[in-house]
Amino acid sequence: MSIEIKRDEGYVEISGGTEEIVGTDYAEILPTQPSVNLAVVKGKLASALSGQDGMTCWISGMGRVYLLDGHHTFVACRMAGTTARIKLKKFGFPAGDHSSWKTVSWADFVPAKEKLKQKV
């Protein structure tokens, strides 16, 4: 697996290898939410991961990369071994106490993006 930070181009790219990161010590890209929905991840895998442009991240002053949006897509990319290109934001915050994906769990919930789609 490799991680490339392309600050000038405005993205972070992770490629290589397939891995299950939920509940593990994976810490290359840190989560900012406590859980992901397995059904949503499976749906993304079934759709061949179309729509990767929703992922965003932020790099802290200490050089840690935090995933701000697109957790389900990112987990699916890691499971499939697909290159994840994540848009780099100029500001953000490390929400929660996540020093790895070990504290992230699978949960049955409707993601905020889906709730917003339902209201439109």
Protein backbone atom coordinates (compact mmCIF):
# COMPACT_ATOMS: atom_id res chain seq x y z
CA MET A 1 0.00 0.00 0.00
CA SER A 2 1.18 3.50 -0.72
CA ILE A 3 -0.02 6.95 0.23
CA GLU A 4 0.78 10.04 -1.80
CA ILE A 5 0.00 13.53 -0.54
CA LYS A 6 -0.31 15.93 -3.46
CA ARG A 7 -0.84 19.27 -1.72
CA ASP A 8 -0.31 21.34 -4.88
CA GLU A 9 -2.83 19.26 -6.83
CA GLY A 10 -5.26 19.19 -3.88
CA TYR A 11 -5.62 15.50 -3.13
CA VAL A 12 -4.36 12.50 -1.18
CA GLU A 13 -4.17 9.14 -2.94
CA ILE A 14 -4.05 5.68 -1.35
CA SER A 15 -3.41 2.65 -3.53
CA GLY A 16 -2.41 -1.00 -3.37
CA GLY A 17 -3.59 -4.00 -1.42
CA THR A 18 -6.97 -5.10 -0.17
CA GLU A 19 -7.70 -4.83 3.51
CA GLU A 20 -10.50 -4.68 6.02
CA ILE A 21 -9.86 -1.55 8.10
CA VAL A 22 -12.94 -1.27 10.36
CA GLY A 23 -11.95 -2.25 13.91
CA THR A 24 -8.23 -2.47 13.07
CA ASP A 25 -5.07 -0.48 13.80
CA TYR A 26 -5.10 1.02 10.27
CA ALA A 27 -3.95 4.64 10.70
CA GLU A 28 -2.79 5.98 7.32
CA ILE A 29 -6.05 7.93 6.92
CA LEU A 30 -7.89 8.52 10.20
CA PRO A 31 -11.69 8.41 10.59
CA THR A 32 -13.82 11.19 12.06
CA GLN A 33 -16.95 9.14 12.69
CA PRO A 34 -17.53 6.23 15.08
CA SER A 35 -19.18 3.75 12.71
CA VAL A 36 -19.91 2.70 9.13
CA ASN A 37 -22.85 0.76 7.70
CA LEU A 38 -21.86 -2.56 6.10
CA ALA A 39 -24.90 -2.50 3.77
CA VAL A 40 -23.81 0.88 2.39
CA VAL A 41 -20.24 -0.37 1.88
CA LYS A 42 -21.54 -3.49 0.08
CA GLY A 43 -23.71 -1.26 -2.11
CA LYS A 44 -20.67 0.77 -3.10
CA LEU A 45 -18.73 -2.40 -3.88
CA ALA A 46 -21.62 -3.69 -6.03
CA SER A 47 -21.74 -0.41 -7.98
CA ALA A 48 -18.03 -0.69 -8.79
CA LEU A 49 -17.29 2.29 -6.53
CA SER A 50 -18.75 4.90 -8.86
CA GLY A 51 -18.90 8.40 -7.41
CA GLN A 52 -15.61 8.48 -5.51
CA ASP A 53 -15.58 12.27 -5.67
CA GLY A 54 -17.41 12.56 -2.32
CA MET A 55 -14.33 11.80 -0.22
CA THR A 56 -12.59 14.71 1.51
CA CYS A 57 -9.74 14.89 4.01
CA TRP A 58 -7.69 17.36 6.01
CA ILE A 59 -4.07 17.22 7.15
CA SER A 60 -3.46 18.41 10.71
CA GLY A 61 -0.49 20.51 11.76
CA MET A 62 1.05 17.28 13.07
CA GLY A 63 0.79 15.71 9.60
CA ARG A 64 -2.06 13.31 10.39
CA VAL A 65 -4.59 12.80 7.58
CA TYR A 66 -8.24 12.85 8.72
CA LEU A 67 -11.07 11.62 6.50
CA LEU A 68 -13.82 14.24 6.75
CA ASP A 69 -16.39 12.80 4.36
CA GLY A 70 -16.77 9.58 2.39
CA HIS A 71 -16.07 6.97 5.09
CA HIS A 72 -18.21 4.30 3.39
CA THR A 73 -16.55 4.86 0.02
CA PHE A 74 -13.09 4.80 1.58
CA VAL A 75 -13.77 1.53 3.43
CA ALA A 76 -15.09 0.01 0.16
CA CYS A 77 -11.98 1.18 -1.72
CA ARG A 78 -9.71 -0.46 0.86
CA MET A 79 -11.74 -3.70 0.75
CA ALA A 80 -11.58 -3.81 -3.06
CA GLY A 81 -7.98 -2.68 -3.36
CA THR A 82 -9.12 0.24 -5.51
CA THR A 83 -7.10 3.46 -5.55
CA ALA A 84 -8.82 6.10 -3.41
CA ARG A 85 -8.32 9.70 -4.50
CA ILE A 86 -9.43 11.98 -1.67
CA LYS A 87 -9.93 15.72 -2.11
CA LEU A 88 -7.77 17.72 0.27
CA LYS A 89 -9.50 20.49 2.24
CA LYS A 90 -7.54 23.46 3.58
CA PHE A 91 -9.19 23.29 6.99
CA GLY A 92 -10.83 20.69 9.20
CA PHE A 93 -10.76 19.14 12.64
CA PRO A 94 -10.03 15.74 14.20
CA ALA A 95 -13.54 14.86 15.40
CA GLY A 96 -13.66 12.20 18.08
CA ASP A 97 -10.81 10.24 19.59
CA HIS A 98 -9.66 8.22 16.61
CA SER A 99 -5.95 7.42 16.42
CA SER A 100 -6.78 4.48 14.14
CA TRP A 101 -9.84 2.61 12.80
CA LYS A 102 -9.80 0.36 15.90
CA THR A 103 -12.53 2.43 17.57
CA VAL A 104 -14.75 2.37 14.45
CA SER A 105 -17.47 -0.28 14.34
CA TRP A 106 -20.09 -1.59 11.96
CA ALA A 107 -23.56 -0.19 12.72
CA ASP A 108 -26.98 -0.25 11.10
CA PHE A 109 -27.91 3.39 10.45
CA VAL A 110 -28.91 5.67 7.60
CA PRO A 111 -25.94 7.87 6.61
CA ALA A 112 -26.54 11.64 6.66
CA LYS A 113 -26.11 11.88 2.86
CA GLU A 114 -28.92 9.35 2.39
CA LYS A 115 -31.18 11.22 4.82
CA LEU A 116 -30.62 14.41 2.83
CA LYS A 117 -31.45 12.63 -0.44
CA GLN A 118 -34.70 11.37 1.06
CA LYS A 119 -35.78 14.93 1.96
CA VAL A 120 -35.25 16.27 -1.56
